[in-house]
């Protein structure tokens, strides 16, 4: 049976965390731009955030698919943290999209 090492899983985890964190940075920059009435810039930043979160999500999904295919994984608090970070950022993105809509209405 194929196995993934803790070191390999740590690398995947850090990749997810890095891209999710970059997405978060873009999201909060976008809201700042929207609050200043700079909506084109806000939309561009949200597009960049989406690109980053897609990269993070693909890394996570690829990993989970391997596990579903029978690859053994060690338990990793770091991978759990990476998943939590990604899902939190996705939620923040959804909330901030709505905030940007509100700024546009104002």
PDB file of N, CA and C in Angstrom:
ATOM      1  N   UNK A   1       0.842  -1.186   0.000  1.00  0.00           N
ATOM      2  CA  UNK A   1       0.000   0.000   0.000  1.00  0.00           C
ATOM      3  C   UNK A   1       0.887   1.249   0.000  1.00  0.00           C
ATOM      4  N   UNK A   2       0.532   2.196  -0.840  1.00  0.00           N
ATOM      5  CA  UNK A   2       1.274   3.453  -0.926  1.00  0.00           C
ATOM      6  C   UNK A   2       1.047   4.274   0.343  1.00  0.00           C
ATOM      7  N   UNK A   3       2.098   4.973   0.783  1.00  0.00           N
ATOM      8  CA  UNK A   3       2.012   5.826   1.964  1.00  0.00           C
ATOM      9  C   UNK A   3       2.608   7.185   1.636  1.00  0.00           C
ATOM     10  N   UNK A   4       2.118   8.181   2.322  1.00  0.00           N
ATOM     11  CA  UNK A   4       2.706   9.512   2.221  1.00  0.00           C
ATOM     12  C   UNK A   4       3.390   9.792   3.558  1.00  0.00           C
ATOM     13  N   UNK A   5       4.552  10.399   3.485  1.00  0.00           N
ATOM     14  CA  UNK A   5       5.300  10.666   4.717  1.00  0.00           C
ATOM     15  C   UNK A   5       4.780  11.936   5.378  1.00  0.00           C
ATOM     16  N   UNK A   6       5.098  12.070   6.635  1.00  0.00           N
ATOM     17  CA  UNK A   6       4.727  13.269   7.375  1.00  0.00           C
ATOM     18  C   UNK A   6       5.392  14.497   6.764  1.00  0.00           C
ATOM     19  N   UNK A   7       6.614  14.321   6.278  1.00  0.00           N
ATOM     20  CA  UNK A   7       7.320  15.431   5.631  1.00  0.00           C
ATOM     21  C   UNK A   7       6.608  15.864   4.349  1.00  0.00           C
ATOM     22  N   UNK A   8       6.168  14.903   3.548  1.00  0.00           N
ATOM     23  CA  UNK A   8       5.428  15.229   2.325  1.00  0.00           C
ATOM     24  C   UNK A   8       4.119  15.946   2.655  1.00  0.00           C
ATOM     25  N   UNK A   9       3.450  15.465   3.678  1.00  0.00           N
ATOM     26  CA  UNK A   9       2.186  16.075   4.087  1.00  0.00           C
ATOM     27  C   UNK A   9       2.420  17.481   4.629  1.00  0.00           C
ATOM     28  N   UNK A  10       3.529  17.686   5.314  1.00  0.00           N
ATOM     29  CA  UNK A  10       3.867  19.022   5.813  1.00  0.00           C
ATOM     30  C   UNK A  10       4.075  19.997   4.659  1.00  0.00           C
ATOM     31  N   UNK A  11       4.717  19.531   3.600  1.00  0.00           N
ATOM     32  CA  UNK A  11       4.943  20.385   2.427  1.00  0.00           C
ATOM     33  C   UNK A  11       3.613  20.768   1.784  1.00  0.00           C
ATOM     34  N   UNK A  12       2.733  19.811   1.640  1.00  0.00           N
ATOM     35  CA  UNK A  12       1.403  20.081   1.084  1.00  0.00           C
ATOM     36  C   UNK A  12       0.666  21.074   1.983  1.00  0.00           C
ATOM     37  N   UNK A  13       0.734  20.835   3.276  1.00  0.00           N
ATOM     38  CA  UNK A  13       0.044  21.687   4.244  1.00  0.00           C
ATOM     39  C   UNK A  13       0.519  23.131   4.156  1.00  0.00           C
ATOM     40  N   UNK A  14       1.837  23.316   4.094  1.00  0.00           N
ATOM     41  CA  UNK A  14       2.384  24.664   4.018  1.00  0.00           C
ATOM     42  C   UNK A  14       1.991  25.341   2.705  1.00  0.00           C
ATOM     43  N   UNK A  15       1.883  24.573   1.642  1.00  0.00           N
ATOM     44  CA  UNK A  15       1.436  25.116   0.366  1.00  0.00           C
ATOM     45  C   UNK A  15      -0.008  25.627   0.480  1.00  0.00           C
ATOM     46  N   UNK A  16      -0.858  24.846   1.113  1.00  0.00           N
ATOM     47  CA  UNK A  16      -2.256  25.251   1.309  1.00  0.00           C
ATOM     48  C   UNK A  16      -2.311  26.510   2.173  1.00  0.00           C
ATOM     49  N   UNK A  17      -1.569  26.513   3.267  1.00  0.00           N
ATOM     50  CA  UNK A  17      -1.560  27.666   4.182  1.00  0.00           C
ATOM     51  C   UNK A  17      -1.040  28.915   3.471  1.00  0.00           C
ATOM     52  N   UNK A  18       0.024  28.771   2.703  1.00  0.00           N
ATOM     53  CA  UNK A  18       0.617  29.913   2.014  1.00  0.00           C
ATOM     54  C   UNK A  18      -0.382  30.536   1.028  1.00  0.00           C
ATOM     55  N   UNK A  19      -1.004  29.704   0.200  1.00  0.00           N
ATOM     56  CA  UNK A  19      -1.934  30.242  -0.794  1.00  0.00           C
ATOM     57  C   UNK A  19      -3.207  30.780  -0.151  1.00  0.00           C
ATOM     58  N   UNK A  20      -3.684  30.127   0.877  1.00  0.00           N
ATOM     59  CA  UNK A  20      -4.861  30.645   1.583  1.00  0.00           C
ATOM     60  C   UNK A  20      -4.526  31.977   2.258  1.00  0.00           C
ATOM     61  N   UNK A  21      -3.342  32.072   2.835  1.00  0.00           N
ATOM     62  CA  UNK A  21      -2.928  33.329   3.468  1.00  0.00           C
ATOM     63  C   UNK A  21      -2.786  34.461   2.466  1.00  0.00           C
ATOM     64  N   UNK A  22      -2.254  34.151   1.306  1.00  0.00           N
ATOM     65  CA  UNK A  22      -2.143  35.162   0.249  1.00  0.00           C
ATOM     66  C   UNK A  22      -3.533  35.606  -0.193  1.00  0.00           C
ATOM     67  N   UNK A  23      -4.443  34.654  -0.314  1.00  0.00           N
ATOM     68  CA  UNK A  23      -5.827  34.991  -0.660  1.00  0.00           C
ATOM     69  C   UNK A  23      -6.416  35.927   0.387  1.00  0.00           C
ATOM     70  N   UNK A  24      -6.193  35.623   1.656  1.00  0.00           N
ATOM     71  CA  UNK A  24      -6.707  36.475   2.742  1.00  0.00           C
ATOM     72  C   UNK A  24      -6.162  37.897   2.610  1.00  0.00           C
ATOM     73  N   UNK A  25      -4.879  38.024   2.339  1.00  0.00           N
ATOM     74  CA  UNK A  25      -4.289  39.355   2.166  1.00  0.00           C
ATOM     75  C   UNK A  25      -4.991  40.122   1.049  1.00  0.00           C
ATOM     76  N   UNK A  26      -5.196  39.457  -0.088  1.00  0.00           N
ATOM     77  CA  UNK A  26      -5.891  40.106  -1.208  1.00  0.00           C
ATOM     78  C   UNK A  26      -7.315  40.521  -0.829  1.00  0.00           C
ATOM     79  N   UNK A  27      -8.002  39.669  -0.099  1.00  0.00           N
ATOM     80  CA  UNK A  27      -9.383  39.953   0.290  1.00  0.00           C
ATOM     81  C   UNK A  27      -9.457  41.217   1.144  1.00  0.00           C
ATOM     82  N   UNK A  28      -8.585  41.329   2.122  1.00  0.00           N
ATOM     83  CA  UNK A  28      -8.649  42.492   2.994  1.00  0.00           C
ATOM     84  C   UNK A  28      -8.160  43.755   2.291  1.00  0.00           C
ATOM     85  N   UNK A  29      -7.253  43.617   1.355  1.00  0.00           N
ATOM     86  CA  UNK A  29      -6.876  44.759   0.518  1.00  0.00           C
ATOM     87  C   UNK A  29      -8.065  45.194  -0.340  1.00  0.00           C
ATOM     88  N   UNK A  30      -8.801  44.223  -0.847  1.00  0.00           N
ATOM     89  CA  UNK A  30      -9.963  44.518  -1.689  1.00  0.00           C
ATOM     90  C   UNK A  30     -11.016  45.297  -0.912  1.00  0.00           C
ATOM     91  N   UNK A  31     -11.264  44.913   0.314  1.00  0.00           N
ATOM     92  CA  UNK A  31     -12.258  45.618   1.122  1.00  0.00           C
ATOM     93  C   UNK A  31     -11.788  47.039   1.417  1.00  0.00           C
ATOM     94  N   UNK A  32     -10.500  47.204   1.665  1.00  0.00           N
ATOM     95  CA  UNK A  32      -9.956  48.552   1.864  1.00  0.00           C
ATOM     96  C   UNK A  32     -10.180  49.405   0.624  1.00  0.00           C
ATOM     97  N   UNK A  33      -9.927  48.833  -0.544  1.00  0.00           N
ATOM     98  CA  UNK A  33     -10.135  49.570  -1.795  1.00  0.00           C
ATOM     99  C   UNK A  33     -11.616  49.911  -1.974  1.00  0.00           C
ATOM    100  N   UNK A  34     -12.476  48.950  -1.677  1.00  0.00           N
ATOM    101  CA  UNK A  34     -13.914  49.195  -1.821  1.00  0.00           C
ATOM    102  C   UNK A  34     -14.374  50.299  -0.873  1.00  0.00           C
ATOM    103  N   UNK A  35     -13.847  50.304   0.326  1.00  0.00           N
ATOM    104  CA  UNK A  35     -14.249  51.337   1.290  1.00  0.00           C
ATOM    105  C   UNK A  35     -13.809  52.721   0.837  1.00  0.00           C
ATOM    106  N   UNK A  36     -12.784  52.771  -0.005  1.00  0.00           N
ATOM    107  CA  UNK A  36     -12.311  54.033  -0.559  1.00  0.00           C
ATOM    108  C   UNK A  36     -12.966  54.348  -1.909  1.00  0.00           C
ATOM    109  N   UNK A  37     -13.902  53.506  -2.339  1.00  0.00           N
ATOM    110  CA  UNK A  37     -14.595  53.734  -3.592  1.00  0.00           C
ATOM    111  C   UNK A  37     -13.822  53.285  -4.820  1.00  0.00           C
ATOM    112  N   UNK A  38     -12.755  52.527  -4.619  1.00  0.00           N
ATOM    113  CA  UNK A  38     -11.924  52.055  -5.732  1.00  0.00           C
ATOM    114  C   UNK A  38     -12.363  50.641  -6.116  1.00  0.00           C
ATOM    115  N   UNK A  39     -13.502  50.574  -6.793  1.00  0.00           N
ATOM    116  CA  UNK A  39     -14.157  49.292  -7.021  1.00  0.00           C
ATOM    117  C   UNK A  39     -13.486  48.426  -8.080  1.00  0.00           C
ATOM    118  N   UNK A  40     -12.924  49.021  -9.098  1.00  0.00           N
ATOM    119  CA  UNK A  40     -12.211  48.217 -10.090  1.00  0.00           C
ATOM    120  C   UNK A  40     -11.028  47.503  -9.442  1.00  0.00           C
ATOM    121  N   UNK A  41     -10.300  48.248  -8.613  1.00  0.00           N
ATOM    122  CA  UNK A  41      -9.156  47.652  -7.914  1.00  0.00           C
ATOM    123  C   UNK A  41      -9.620  46.564  -6.948  1.00  0.00           C
ATOM    124  N   UNK A  42     -10.743  46.828  -6.267  1.00  0.00           N
ATOM    125  CA  UNK A  42     -11.286  45.831  -5.333  1.00  0.00           C
ATOM    126  C   UNK A  42     -11.651  44.547  -6.071  1.00  0.00           C
ATOM    127  N   UNK A  43     -12.294  44.701  -7.224  1.00  0.00           N
ATOM    128  CA  UNK A  43     -12.683  43.520  -8.003  1.00  0.00           C
ATOM    129  C   UNK A  43     -11.454  42.746  -8.483  1.00  0.00           C
ATOM    130  N   UNK A  44     -10.427  43.469  -8.901  1.00  0.00           N
ATOM    131  CA  UNK A  44      -9.188  42.807  -9.345  1.00  0.00           C
ATOM    132  C   UNK A  44      -8.536  42.039  -8.198  1.00  0.00           C
ATOM    133  N   UNK A  45      -8.522  42.642  -7.022  1.00  0.00           N
ATOM    134  CA  UNK A  45      -7.938  41.968  -5.863  1.00  0.00           C
ATOM    135  C   UNK A  45      -8.742  40.727  -5.470  1.00  0.00           C
ATOM    136  N   UNK A  46     -10.056  40.811  -5.586  1.00  0.00           N
ATOM    137  CA  UNK A  46     -10.877  39.634  -5.291  1.00  0.00           C
ATOM    138  C   UNK A  46     -10.629  38.533  -6.313  1.00  0.00           C
ATOM    139  N   UNK A  47     -10.393  38.908  -7.556  1.00  0.00           N
ATOM    140  CA  UNK A  47     -10.044  37.908  -8.577  1.00  0.00           C
ATOM    141  C   UNK A  47      -8.718  37.230  -8.218  1.00  0.00           C
ATOM    142  N   UNK A  48      -7.755  38.015  -7.768  1.00  0.00           N
ATOM    143  CA  UNK A  48      -6.466  37.444  -7.360  1.00  0.00           C
ATOM    144  C   UNK A  48      -6.643  36.532  -6.148  1.00  0.00           C
ATOM    145  N   UNK A  49      -7.476  36.940  -5.212  1.00  0.00           N
ATOM    146  CA  UNK A  49      -7.758  36.107  -4.043  1.00  0.00           C
ATOM    147  C   UNK A  49      -8.365  34.777  -4.468  1.00  0.00           C
ATOM    148  N   UNK A  50      -9.283  34.843  -5.424  1.00  0.00           N
ATOM    149  CA  UNK A  50      -9.914  33.619  -5.902  1.00  0.00           C
ATOM    150  C   UNK A  50      -8.895  32.675  -6.541  1.00  0.00           C
ATOM    151  N   UNK A  51      -7.968  33.230  -7.326  1.00  0.00           N
ATOM    152  CA  UNK A  51      -6.929  32.400  -7.942  1.00  0.00           C
ATOM    153  C   UNK A  51      -6.113  31.677  -6.874  1.00  0.00           C
ATOM    154  N   UNK A  52      -5.778  32.385  -5.814  1.00  0.00           N
ATOM    155  CA  UNK A  52      -4.980  31.786  -4.739  1.00  0.00           C
ATOM    156  C   UNK A  52      -5.748  30.704  -3.988  1.00  0.00           C
ATOM    157  N   UNK A  53      -7.022  30.967  -3.705  1.00  0.00           N
ATOM    158  CA  UNK A  53      -7.789  29.978  -2.942  1.00  0.00           C
ATOM    159  C   UNK A  53      -8.052  28.743  -3.790  1.00  0.00           C
ATOM    160  N   UNK A  54      -8.145  28.908  -5.098  1.00  0.00           N
ATOM    161  CA  UNK A  54      -8.307  27.748  -5.988  1.00  0.00           C
ATOM    162  C   UNK A  54      -7.057  26.878  -5.934  1.00  0.00           C
ATOM    163  N   UNK A  55      -5.887  27.484  -5.918  1.00  0.00           N
ATOM    164  CA  UNK A  55      -4.647  26.710  -5.813  1.00  0.00           C
ATOM    165  C   UNK A  55      -4.627  25.933  -4.497  1.00  0.00           C
ATOM    166  N   UNK A  56      -4.987  26.599  -3.407  1.00  0.00           N
ATOM    167  CA  UNK A  56      -5.019  25.933  -2.103  1.00  0.00           C
ATOM    168  C   UNK A  56      -6.026  24.790  -2.105  1.00  0.00           C
ATOM    169  N   UNK A  57      -7.193  25.044  -2.668  1.00  0.00           N
ATOM    170  CA  UNK A  57      -8.249  24.030  -2.688  1.00  0.00           C
ATOM    171  C   UNK A  57      -7.843  22.819  -3.522  1.00  0.00           C
ATOM    172  N   UNK A  58      -7.189  23.065  -4.654  1.00  0.00           N
ATOM    173  CA  UNK A  58      -6.741  21.946  -5.497  1.00  0.00           C
ATOM    174  C   UNK A  58      -5.725  21.078  -4.765  1.00  0.00           C
ATOM    175  N   UNK A  59      -4.814  21.702  -4.036  1.00  0.00           N
ATOM    176  CA  UNK A  59      -3.822  20.931  -3.275  1.00  0.00           C
ATOM    177  C   UNK A  59      -4.502  20.078  -2.217  1.00  0.00           C
ATOM    178  N   UNK A  60      -5.474  20.659  -1.524  1.00  0.00           N
ATOM    179  CA  UNK A  60      -6.207  19.916  -0.503  1.00  0.00           C
ATOM    180  C   UNK A  60      -7.002  18.781  -1.129  1.00  0.00           C
ATOM    181  N   UNK A  61      -7.717  19.073  -2.196  1.00  0.00           N
ATOM    182  CA  UNK A  61      -8.562  18.070  -2.842  1.00  0.00           C
ATOM    183  C   UNK A  61      -7.733  16.914  -3.401  1.00  0.00           C
ATOM    184  N   UNK A  62      -6.600  17.240  -4.007  1.00  0.00           N
ATOM    185  CA  UNK A  62      -5.709  16.207  -4.534  1.00  0.00           C
ATOM    186  C   UNK A  62      -5.254  15.275  -3.409  1.00  0.00           C
ATOM    187  N   UNK A  63      -4.950  15.855  -2.273  1.00  0.00           N
ATOM    188  CA  UNK A  63      -4.508  15.072  -1.121  1.00  0.00           C
ATOM    189  C   UNK A  63      -5.627  14.181  -0.598  1.00  0.00           C
ATOM    190  N   UNK A  64      -6.808  14.740  -0.469  1.00  0.00           N
ATOM    191  CA  UNK A  64      -7.940  13.961   0.026  1.00  0.00           C
ATOM    192  C   UNK A  64      -8.335  12.863  -0.959  1.00  0.00           C
ATOM    193  N   UNK A  65      -8.185  13.141  -2.244  1.00  0.00           N
ATOM    194  CA  UNK A  65      -8.489  12.126  -3.261  1.00  0.00           C
ATOM    195  C   UNK A  65      -7.531  10.949  -3.134  1.00  0.00           C
ATOM    196  N   UNK A  66      -6.267  11.247  -2.867  1.00  0.00           N
ATOM    197  CA  UNK A  66      -5.296  10.162  -2.665  1.00  0.00           C
ATOM    198  C   UNK A  66      -5.699   9.291  -1.480  1.00  0.00           C
ATOM    199  N   UNK A  67      -6.119   9.937  -0.413  1.00  0.00           N
ATOM    200  CA  UNK A  67      -6.543   9.164   0.757  1.00  0.00           C
ATOM    201  C   UNK A  67      -7.753   8.304   0.408  1.00  0.00           C
ATOM    202  N   UNK A  68      -8.687   8.862  -0.334  1.00  0.00           N
ATOM    203  CA  UNK A  68      -9.864   8.096  -0.747  1.00  0.00           C
ATOM    204  C   UNK A  68      -9.483   6.921  -1.635  1.00  0.00           C
ATOM    205  N   UNK A  69      -8.370   7.063  -2.375  1.00  0.00           N
ATOM    206  CA  UNK A  69      -7.886   5.995  -3.242  1.00  0.00           C
ATOM    207  C   UNK A  69      -7.069   4.946  -2.497  1.00  0.00           C
ATOM    208  N   UNK A  70      -6.922   5.128  -1.175  1.00  0.00           N
ATOM    209  CA  UNK A  70      -6.247   4.115  -0.376  1.00  0.00           C
ATOM    210  C   UNK A  70      -4.830   4.445   0.050  1.00  0.00           C
ATOM    211  N   UNK A  71      -4.341   5.626  -0.309  1.00  0.00           N
ATOM    212  CA  UNK A  71      -2.998   6.017   0.136  1.00  0.00           C
ATOM    213  C   UNK A  71      -3.075   6.303   1.633  1.00  0.00           C
ATOM    214  N   UNK A  72      -2.134   5.758   2.381  1.00  0.00           N
ATOM    215  CA  UNK A  72      -2.116   5.968   3.827  1.00  0.00           C
ATOM    216  C   UNK A  72      -1.457   7.298   4.161  1.00  0.00           C
ATOM    217  N   UNK A  73      -2.079   8.011   5.083  1.00  0.00           N
ATOM    218  CA  UNK A  73      -1.567   9.293   5.555  1.00  0.00           C
ATOM    219  C   UNK A  73      -1.391   9.239   7.054  1.00  0.00           C
ATOM    220  N   UNK A  74      -0.306   9.816   7.563  1.00  0.00           N
ATOM    221  CA  UNK A  74      -0.196   9.944   9.010  1.00  0.00           C
ATOM    222  C   UNK A  74      -1.112  11.080   9.473  1.00  0.00           C
ATOM    223  N   UNK A  75      -1.536  11.048  10.717  1.00  0.00           N
ATOM    224  CA  UNK A  75      -2.306  12.187  11.228  1.00  0.00           C
ATOM    225  C   UNK A  75      -1.371  13.383  11.303  1.00  0.00           C
ATOM    226  N   UNK A  76      -1.860  14.527  10.888  1.00  0.00           N
ATOM    227  CA  UNK A  76      -1.053  15.741  10.885  1.00  0.00           C
ATOM    228  C   UNK A  76      -1.872  16.919  11.383  1.00  0.00           C
ATOM    229  N   UNK A  77      -1.567  17.424  12.571  1.00  0.00           N
ATOM    230  CA  UNK A  77      -2.229  18.646  13.024  1.00  0.00           C
ATOM    231  C   UNK A  77      -1.986  19.804  12.051  1.00  0.00           C
ATOM    232  N   UNK A  78      -0.833  19.804  11.396  1.00  0.00           N
ATOM    233  CA  UNK A  78      -0.537  20.863  10.430  1.00  0.00           C
ATOM    234  C   UNK A  78      -1.489  20.792   9.240  1.00  0.00           C
ATOM    235  N   UNK A  79      -1.787  19.593   8.745  1.00  0.00           N
ATOM    236  CA  UNK A  79      -2.730  19.464   7.636  1.00  0.00           C
ATOM    237  C   UNK A  79      -4.126  19.864   8.089  1.00  0.00           C
ATOM    238  N   UNK A  80      -4.495  19.506   9.299  1.00  0.00           N
ATOM    239  CA  UNK A  80      -5.797  19.924   9.827  1.00  0.00           C
ATOM    240  C   UNK A  80      -5.865  21.449   9.908  1.00  0.00           C
ATOM    241  N   UNK A  81      -4.774  22.061  10.350  1.00  0.00           N
ATOM    242  CA  UNK A  81      -4.712  23.524  10.410  1.00  0.00           C
ATOM    243  C   UNK A  81      -4.817  24.131   9.003  1.00  0.00           C
ATOM    244  N   UNK A  82      -4.134  23.525   8.046  1.00  0.00           N
ATOM    245  CA  UNK A  82      -4.181  24.017   6.665  1.00  0.00           C
ATOM    246  C   UNK A  82      -5.608  23.985   6.133  1.00  0.00           C
ATOM    247  N   UNK A  83      -6.307  22.887   6.374  1.00  0.00           N
ATOM    248  CA  UNK A  83      -7.693  22.775   5.921  1.00  0.00           C
ATOM    249  C   UNK A  83      -8.567  23.821   6.606  1.00  0.00           C
ATOM    250  N   UNK A  84      -8.368  23.994   7.898  1.00  0.00           N
ATOM    251  CA  UNK A  84      -9.133  24.973   8.660  1.00  0.00           C
ATOM    252  C   UNK A  84      -8.870  26.382   8.133  1.00  0.00           C
ATOM    253  N   UNK A  85      -7.608  26.677   7.864  1.00  0.00           N
ATOM    254  CA  UNK A  85      -7.250  27.995   7.342  1.00  0.00           C
ATOM    255  C   UNK A  85      -7.922  28.243   6.004  1.00  0.00           C
ATOM    256  N   UNK A  86      -7.848  27.269   5.130  1.00  0.00           N
ATOM    257  CA  UNK A  86      -8.437  27.435   3.807  1.00  0.00           C
ATOM    258  C   UNK A  86      -9.943  27.665   3.897  1.00  0.00           C
ATOM    259  N   UNK A  87     -10.630  26.890   4.705  1.00  0.00           N
ATOM    260  CA  UNK A  87     -12.079  27.031   4.822  1.00  0.00           C
ATOM    261  C   UNK A  87     -12.454  28.364   5.473  1.00  0.00           C
ATOM    262  N   UNK A  88     -11.656  28.820   6.421  1.00  0.00           N
ATOM    263  CA  UNK A  88     -11.910  30.117   7.048  1.00  0.00           C
ATOM    264  C   UNK A  88     -11.759  31.237   6.027  1.00  0.00           C
ATOM    265  N   UNK A  89     -10.710  31.166   5.230  1.00  0.00           N
ATOM    266  CA  UNK A  89     -10.498  32.194   4.206  1.00  0.00           C
ATOM    267  C   UNK A  89     -11.614  32.162   3.179  1.00  0.00           C
ATOM    268  N   UNK A  90     -12.067  30.983   2.799  1.00  0.00           N
ATOM    269  CA  UNK A  90     -13.189  30.903   1.853  1.00  0.00           C
ATOM    270  C   UNK A  90     -14.428  31.582   2.440  1.00  0.00           C
ATOM    271  N   UNK A  91     -14.674  31.385   3.716  1.00  0.00           N
ATOM    272  CA  UNK A  91     -15.808  32.047   4.376  1.00  0.00           C
ATOM    273  C   UNK A  91     -15.611  33.554   4.409  1.00  0.00           C
ATOM    274  N   UNK A  92     -14.386  33.978   4.723  1.00  0.00           N
ATOM    275  CA  UNK A  92     -14.095  35.411   4.731  1.00  0.00           C
ATOM    276  C   UNK A  92     -14.314  36.011   3.344  1.00  0.00           C
ATOM    277  N   UNK A  93     -13.915  35.287   2.319  1.00  0.00           N
ATOM    278  CA  UNK A  93     -14.109  35.777   0.957  1.00  0.00           C
ATOM    279  C   UNK A  93     -15.590  35.988   0.669  1.00  0.00           C
ATOM    280  N   UNK A  94     -16.409  35.050   1.079  1.00  0.00           N
ATOM    281  CA  UNK A  94     -17.851  35.182   0.850  1.00  0.00           C
ATOM    282  C   UNK A  94     -18.419  36.398   1.570  1.00  0.00           C
ATOM    283  N   UNK A  95     -18.004  36.598   2.809  1.00  0.00           N
ATOM    284  CA  UNK A  95     -18.484  37.743   3.584  1.00  0.00           C
ATOM    285  C   UNK A  95     -18.004  39.051   2.958  1.00  0.00           C
ATOM    286  N   UNK A  96     -16.740  39.084   2.573  1.00  0.00           N
ATOM    287  CA  UNK A  96     -16.181  40.317   2.021  1.00  0.00           C
ATOM    288  C   UNK A  96     -16.777  40.646   0.652  1.00  0.00           C
ATOM    289  N   UNK A  97     -17.146  39.645  -0.122  1.00  0.00           N
ATOM    290  CA  UNK A  97     -17.848  39.911  -1.393  1.00  0.00           C
ATOM    291  C   UNK A  97     -19.134  40.687  -1.112  1.00  0.00           C
ATOM    292  N   UNK A  98     -19.836  40.267  -0.062  1.00  0.00           N
ATOM    293  CA  UNK A  98     -21.078  40.949   0.297  1.00  0.00           C
ATOM    294  C   UNK A  98     -20.796  42.355   0.803  1.00  0.00           C
ATOM    295  N   UNK A  99     -19.728  42.524   1.560  1.00  0.00           N
ATOM    296  CA  UNK A  99     -19.368  43.859   2.035  1.00  0.00           C
ATOM    297  C   UNK A  99     -19.043  44.782   0.862  1.00  0.00           C
ATOM    298  N   UNK A 100     -18.326  44.251  -0.122  1.00  0.00           N
ATOM    299  CA  UNK A 100     -18.000  45.059  -1.301  1.00  0.00           C
ATOM    300  C   UNK A 100     -19.270  45.458  -2.038  1.00  0.00           C
ATOM    301  N   UNK A 101     -20.223  44.541  -2.134  1.00  0.00           N
ATOM    302  CA  UNK A 101     -21.517  44.889  -2.757  1.00  0.00           C
ATOM    303  C   UNK A 101     -22.183  46.041  -2.001  1.00  0.00           C
ATOM    304  N   UNK A 102     -22.111  45.982  -0.673  1.00  0.00           N
ATOM    305  CA  UNK A 102     -22.714  47.045   0.128  1.00  0.00           C
ATOM    306  C   UNK A 102     -22.002  48.377  -0.110  1.00  0.00           C
ATOM    307  N   UNK A 103     -20.672  48.347  -0.161  1.00  0.00           N
ATOM    308  CA  UNK A 103     -19.937  49.579  -0.444  1.00  0.00           C
ATOM    309  C   UNK A 103     -20.335  50.137  -1.807  1.00  0.00           C
ATOM    310  N   UNK A 104     -20.536  49.275  -2.784  1.00  0.00           N
ATOM    311  CA  UNK A 104     -20.931  49.747  -4.112  1.00  0.00           C
ATOM    312  C   UNK A 104     -22.298  50.411  -4.081  1.00  0.00           C
ATOM    313  N   UNK A 105     -23.183  49.937  -3.234  1.00  0.00           N
ATOM    314  CA  UNK A 105     -24.522  50.539  -3.130  1.00  0.00           C
ATOM    315  C   UNK A 105     -24.486  51.899  -2.440  1.00  0.00           C
ATOM    316  N   UNK A 106     -23.529  52.053  -1.540  1.00  0.00           N
ATOM    317  CA  UNK A 106     -23.407  53.328  -0.818  1.00  0.00           C
ATOM    318  C   UNK A 106     -22.905  54.391  -1.753  1.00  0.00           C
TER     319      UNK A 106
END
